[in-house]
Amino acid sequence: MGLISEILSHGGFLPQLAELNTKKPRLNKKTGVTMGAFWLMFFLLIMAPLFGIANVEEMAAASAVIGIFGGLMLMIASVVFLPSSKAVQAALPFAQAPPQPHLHGNIEGHALPPSNEVPASGYAPPAGSWRARTEELTGPGSVTEGTTKLLEQDKN
């Protein structure tokens, strides 16, 4: 019950949920791509020359390969699998709802419109035969009825 009173006192939303909406995730696409670029530069531009200076040719080559492919794989995986660097959207749709002052009582001028219904006693059955009226409304049948009658007369 305390939650309901807090929701009503803040105009239909919780300020704690609004704070959740502004936080950004720590590991996102931007940080993943940046880490991949640093990985590539570290192994390709720092470790490979150091191993080359130390006359360990195999380690220099392995460092270059690990730097290039590892950095590219980190960047691709970051773009594909990590969330966006934008703020996380709250799971509840009312987290950012604007406060509504009319929740606390009926404000004058916001009443229902007046009734415009007609009572059943105001209706009367139609005068005369309803079948005659429908024949008047439909008029003659199809355009082809006259030609069909002419063809039947020609056969006789």
C-alpha atoms as a PDB file:
ATOM      1  CA  MET A   1       0.000   0.000   0.000  1.00  0.00           C
ATOM      2  CA  GLY A   2       2.943   2.297   0.588  1.00  0.00           C
ATOM      3  CA  LEU A   3       3.929   1.988  -3.073  1.00  0.00           C
ATOM      4  CA  ILE A   4       0.491   3.083  -4.242  1.00  0.00           C
ATOM      5  CA  SER A   5       0.531   6.172  -2.049  1.00  0.00           C
ATOM      6  CA  GLU A   6       4.018   7.049  -3.321  1.00  0.00           C
ATOM      7  CA  ILE A   7       2.884   6.665  -6.927  1.00  0.00           C
ATOM      8  CA  LEU A   8      -0.108   8.916  -6.279  1.00  0.00           C
ATOM      9  CA  SER A   9       1.979  11.517  -4.463  1.00  0.00           C
ATOM     10  CA  HIS A  10       4.392  11.771  -7.421  1.00  0.00           C
ATOM     11  CA  GLY A  11       1.700  12.128 -10.052  1.00  0.00           C
ATOM     12  CA  GLY A  12       1.589   8.545 -11.333  1.00  0.00           C
ATOM     13  CA  PHE A  13       5.272   7.646 -11.652  1.00  0.00           C
ATOM     14  CA  LEU A  14       8.172   6.744  -9.411  1.00  0.00           C
ATOM     15  CA  PRO A  15      11.253   9.008  -9.394  1.00  0.00           C
ATOM     16  CA  GLN A  16      13.459   5.973  -8.672  1.00  0.00           C
ATOM     17  CA  LEU A  17      12.522   4.505 -12.058  1.00  0.00           C
ATOM     18  CA  ALA A  18      13.394   7.779 -13.789  1.00  0.00           C
ATOM     19  CA  GLU A  19      16.908   7.496 -12.297  1.00  0.00           C
ATOM     20  CA  LEU A  20      17.276   4.013 -13.786  1.00  0.00           C
ATOM     21  CA  ASN A  21      16.476   5.411 -17.203  1.00  0.00           C
ATOM     22  CA  THR A  22      19.416   7.827 -17.140  1.00  0.00           C
ATOM     23  CA  LYS A  23      22.138   5.280 -16.299  1.00  0.00           C
ATOM     24  CA  LYS A  24      24.306   3.997 -19.129  1.00  0.00           C
ATOM     25  CA  PRO A  25      25.638   0.446 -19.179  1.00  0.00           C
ATOM     26  CA  ARG A  26      29.360   0.118 -18.420  1.00  0.00           C
ATOM     27  CA  LEU A  27      30.150  -2.312 -21.217  1.00  0.00           C
ATOM     28  CA  ASN A  28      28.548  -1.064 -24.399  1.00  0.00           C
ATOM     29  CA  LYS A  29      29.357  -0.865 -28.112  1.00  0.00           C
ATOM     30  CA  LYS A  30      31.484   2.234 -27.746  1.00  0.00           C
ATOM     31  CA  THR A  31      33.692   0.839 -24.968  1.00  0.00           C
ATOM     32  CA  GLY A  32      33.963  -2.527 -26.750  1.00  0.00           C
ATOM     33  CA  VAL A  33      35.187  -0.960 -29.994  1.00  0.00           C
ATOM     34  CA  THR A  34      37.617   1.239 -28.042  1.00  0.00           C
ATOM     35  CA  MET A  35      39.011  -1.802 -26.204  1.00  0.00           C
ATOM     36  CA  GLY A  36      39.402  -3.620 -29.542  1.00  0.00           C
ATOM     37  CA  ALA A  37      41.310  -0.677 -31.018  1.00  0.00           C
ATOM     38  CA  PHE A  38      43.634  -0.523 -27.989  1.00  0.00           C
ATOM     39  CA  TRP A  39      44.185  -4.300 -28.205  1.00  0.00           C
ATOM     40  CA  LEU A  40      45.155  -3.967 -31.879  1.00  0.00           C
ATOM     41  CA  MET A  41      47.513  -1.042 -31.262  1.00  0.00           C
ATOM     42  CA  PHE A  42      49.121  -2.617 -28.180  1.00  0.00           C
ATOM     43  CA  PHE A  43      49.990  -5.967 -29.791  1.00  0.00           C
ATOM     44  CA  LEU A  44      50.764  -4.611 -33.276  1.00  0.00           C
ATOM     45  CA  LEU A  45      52.604  -1.396 -32.426  1.00  0.00           C
ATOM     46  CA  ILE A  46      54.198  -2.179 -29.027  1.00  0.00           C
ATOM     47  CA  MET A  47      54.597  -5.937 -28.501  1.00  0.00           C
ATOM     48  CA  ALA A  48      55.606  -6.911 -32.058  1.00  0.00           C
ATOM     49  CA  PRO A  49      58.497  -4.370 -32.215  1.00  0.00           C
ATOM     50  CA  LEU A  50      59.633  -5.334 -28.692  1.00  0.00           C
ATOM     51  CA  PHE A  51      59.804  -9.024 -29.680  1.00  0.00           C
ATOM     52  CA  GLY A  52      61.571  -8.017 -32.905  1.00  0.00           C
ATOM     53  CA  ILE A  53      64.207  -6.071 -30.947  1.00  0.00           C
ATOM     54  CA  ALA A  54      64.675  -9.065 -28.603  1.00  0.00           C
ATOM     55  CA  ASN A  55      65.358 -11.306 -31.672  1.00  0.00           C
ATOM     56  CA  VAL A  56      62.340 -13.524 -31.001  1.00  0.00           C
ATOM     57  CA  GLU A  57      60.954 -13.516 -34.548  1.00  0.00           C
ATOM     58  CA  GLU A  58      58.226 -16.103 -33.907  1.00  0.00           C
ATOM     59  CA  MET A  59      56.806 -14.149 -30.969  1.00  0.00           C
ATOM     60  CA  ALA A  60      56.866 -10.924 -33.005  1.00  0.00           C
ATOM     61  CA  ALA A  61      54.874 -12.591 -35.790  1.00  0.00           C
ATOM     62  CA  ALA A  62      52.455 -14.169 -33.300  1.00  0.00           C
ATOM     63  CA  SER A  63      51.997 -10.838 -31.558  1.00  0.00           C
ATOM     64  CA  ALA A  64      51.132  -9.123 -34.841  1.00  0.00           C
ATOM     65  CA  VAL A  65      48.623 -11.851 -35.756  1.00  0.00           C
ATOM     66  CA  ILE A  66      47.052 -11.825 -32.283  1.00  0.00           C
ATOM     67  CA  GLY A  67      46.872  -8.026 -32.376  1.00  0.00           C
ATOM     68  CA  ILE A  68      45.210  -7.807 -35.779  1.00  0.00           C
ATOM     69  CA  PHE A  69      42.751 -10.686 -35.507  1.00  0.00           C
ATOM     70  CA  GLY A  70      42.067 -10.266 -31.796  1.00  0.00           C
ATOM     71  CA  GLY A  71      41.398  -6.540 -32.147  1.00  0.00           C
ATOM     72  CA  LEU A  72      39.114  -7.034 -35.149  1.00  0.00           C
ATOM     73  CA  MET A  73      37.210  -9.835 -33.417  1.00  0.00           C
ATOM     74  CA  LEU A  74      36.725  -7.684 -30.310  1.00  0.00           C
ATOM     75  CA  MET A  75      35.406  -4.804 -32.415  1.00  0.00           C
ATOM     76  CA  ILE A  76      33.028  -6.985 -34.426  1.00  0.00           C
ATOM     77  CA  ALA A  77      31.748  -8.812 -31.336  1.00  0.00           C
ATOM     78  CA  SER A  78      31.192  -5.480 -29.573  1.00  0.00           C
ATOM     79  CA  VAL A  79      29.111  -4.103 -32.417  1.00  0.00           C
ATOM     80  CA  VAL A  80      27.059  -7.292 -32.756  1.00  0.00           C
ATOM     81  CA  PHE A  81      26.503  -8.398 -29.153  1.00  0.00           C
ATOM     82  CA  LEU A  82      26.845  -5.426 -26.786  1.00  0.00           C
ATOM     83  CA  PRO A  83      24.030  -2.949 -26.054  1.00  0.00           C
ATOM     84  CA  SER A  84      24.008   0.570 -27.428  1.00  0.00           C
ATOM     85  CA  SER A  85      25.823   3.332 -25.575  1.00  0.00           C
ATOM     86  CA  LYS A  86      22.577   5.290 -25.195  1.00  0.00           C
ATOM     87  CA  ALA A  87      20.692   5.336 -21.904  1.00  0.00           C
ATOM     88  CA  VAL A  88      18.877   2.134 -20.977  1.00  0.00           C
ATOM     89  CA  GLN A  89      15.109   2.367 -21.419  1.00  0.00           C
ATOM     90  CA  ALA A  90      13.098   1.452 -18.366  1.00  0.00           C
ATOM     91  CA  ALA A  91      11.112  -1.766 -18.583  1.00  0.00           C
ATOM     92  CA  LEU A  92       7.962  -0.101 -17.280  1.00  0.00           C
ATOM     93  CA  PRO A  93       6.222   2.338 -19.659  1.00  0.00           C
ATOM     94  CA  PHE A  94       5.036   4.648 -16.865  1.00  0.00           C
ATOM     95  CA  ALA A  95       8.555   5.429 -15.645  1.00  0.00           C
ATOM     96  CA  GLN A  96       8.621   8.825 -17.362  1.00  0.00           C
ATOM     97  CA  ALA A  97       4.927   9.659 -17.332  1.00  0.00           C
ATOM     98  CA  PRO A  98       4.283  13.323 -16.654  1.00  0.00           C
ATOM     99  CA  PRO A  99       2.559  14.101 -13.384  1.00  0.00           C
ATOM    100  CA  GLN A 100      -1.206  14.320 -13.691  1.00  0.00           C
ATOM    101  CA  PRO A 101      -2.783  16.634 -11.136  1.00  0.00           C
ATOM    102  CA  HIS A 102      -6.339  15.370 -11.701  1.00  0.00           C
ATOM    103  CA  LEU A 103      -5.520  12.021 -10.036  1.00  0.00           C
ATOM    104  CA  HIS A 104      -6.101  13.537  -6.604  1.00  0.00           C
ATOM    105  CA  GLY A 105      -9.704  14.516  -7.087  1.00  0.00           C
ATOM    106  CA  ASN A 106     -12.327  15.658  -9.525  1.00  0.00           C
ATOM    107  CA  ILE A 107     -11.437  19.051 -10.957  1.00  0.00           C
ATOM    108  CA  GLU A 108     -14.380  21.184 -12.063  1.00  0.00           C
ATOM    109  CA  GLY A 109     -14.872  21.396 -15.805  1.00  0.00           C
ATOM    110  CA  HIS A 110     -13.748  17.828 -16.462  1.00  0.00           C
ATOM    111  CA  ALA A 111     -17.189  16.210 -16.123  1.00  0.00           C
ATOM    112  CA  LEU A 112     -18.908  14.004 -18.656  1.00  0.00           C
ATOM    113  CA  PRO A 113     -20.953  15.718 -21.400  1.00  0.00           C
ATOM    114  CA  PRO A 114     -24.737  15.870 -20.943  1.00  0.00           C
ATOM    115  CA  SER A 115     -26.773  12.878 -22.049  1.00  0.00           C
ATOM    116  CA  ASN A 116     -28.349  13.003 -25.531  1.00  0.00           C
ATOM    117  CA  GLU A 117     -30.249   9.710 -25.478  1.00  0.00           C
ATOM    118  CA  VAL A 118     -33.800   9.319 -26.782  1.00  0.00           C
ATOM    119  CA  PRO A 119     -36.180   7.120 -24.743  1.00  0.00           C
ATOM    120  CA  ALA A 120     -37.689   4.028 -26.406  1.00  0.00           C
ATOM    121  CA  SER A 121     -41.184   5.471 -26.063  1.00  0.00           C
ATOM    122  CA  GLY A 122     -40.226   8.121 -28.609  1.00  0.00           C
ATOM    123  CA  TYR A 123     -40.074   5.570 -31.420  1.00  0.00           C
ATOM    124  CA  ALA A 124     -43.136   4.416 -33.421  1.00  0.00           C
ATOM    125  CA  PRO A 125     -43.533   1.605 -35.977  1.00  0.00           C
ATOM    126  CA  PRO A 126     -43.538   2.671 -39.639  1.00  0.00           C
ATOM    127  CA  ALA A 127     -46.961   3.421 -41.148  1.00  0.00           C
ATOM    128  CA  GLY A 128     -48.365   1.055 -43.760  1.00  0.00           C
ATOM    129  CA  SER A 129     -46.945  -2.185 -45.065  1.00  0.00           C
ATOM    130  CA  TRP A 130     -43.179  -2.426 -44.841  1.00  0.00           C
ATOM    131  CA  ARG A 131     -43.032  -4.725 -47.911  1.00  0.00           C
ATOM    132  CA  ALA A 132     -44.634  -2.153 -50.163  1.00  0.00           C
ATOM    133  CA  ARG A 133     -42.194   0.468 -48.985  1.00  0.00           C
ATOM    134  CA  THR A 134     -39.152  -1.730 -49.725  1.00  0.00           C
ATOM    135  CA  GLU A 135     -40.383  -2.409 -53.285  1.00  0.00           C
ATOM    136  CA  GLU A 136     -40.698   1.327 -53.799  1.00  0.00           C
ATOM    137  CA  LEU A 137     -37.152   1.863 -52.602  1.00  0.00           C
ATOM    138  CA  THR A 138     -35.568  -0.839 -54.744  1.00  0.00           C
ATOM    139  CA  GLY A 139     -37.156   0.239 -58.001  1.00  0.00           C
ATOM    140  CA  PRO A 140     -36.996  -1.955 -61.103  1.00  0.00           C
ATOM    141  CA  GLY A 141     -34.771  -5.014 -61.032  1.00  0.00           C
ATOM    142  CA  SER A 142     -31.721  -5.577 -63.187  1.00  0.00           C
ATOM    143  CA  VAL A 143     -31.143  -3.957 -66.580  1.00  0.00           C
ATOM    144  CA  THR A 144     -31.057  -7.391 -68.190  1.00  0.00           C
ATOM    145  CA  GLU A 145     -34.585  -8.370 -67.041  1.00  0.00           C
ATOM    146  CA  GLY A 146     -36.216  -6.504 -69.911  1.00  0.00           C
ATOM    147  CA  THR A 147     -33.999  -8.108 -72.539  1.00  0.00           C
ATOM    148  CA  THR A 148     -34.555 -11.561 -71.076  1.00  0.00           C
ATOM    149  CA  LYS A 149     -38.316 -11.075 -71.412  1.00  0.00           C
ATOM    150  CA  LEU A 150     -37.877 -10.023 -75.055  1.00  0.00           C
ATOM    151  CA  LEU A 151     -35.854 -13.173 -75.798  1.00  0.00           C
ATOM    152  CA  GLU A 152     -38.535 -15.367 -74.233  1.00  0.00           C
ATOM    153  CA  GLN A 153     -41.168 -13.684 -76.423  1.00  0.00           C
ATOM    154  CA  ASP A 154     -39.074 -14.337 -79.566  1.00  0.00           C
ATOM    155  CA  LYS A 155     -38.925 -18.068 -78.814  1.00  0.00           C
ATOM    156  CA  ASN A 156     -42.728 -18.316 -78.714  1.00  0.00           C
END
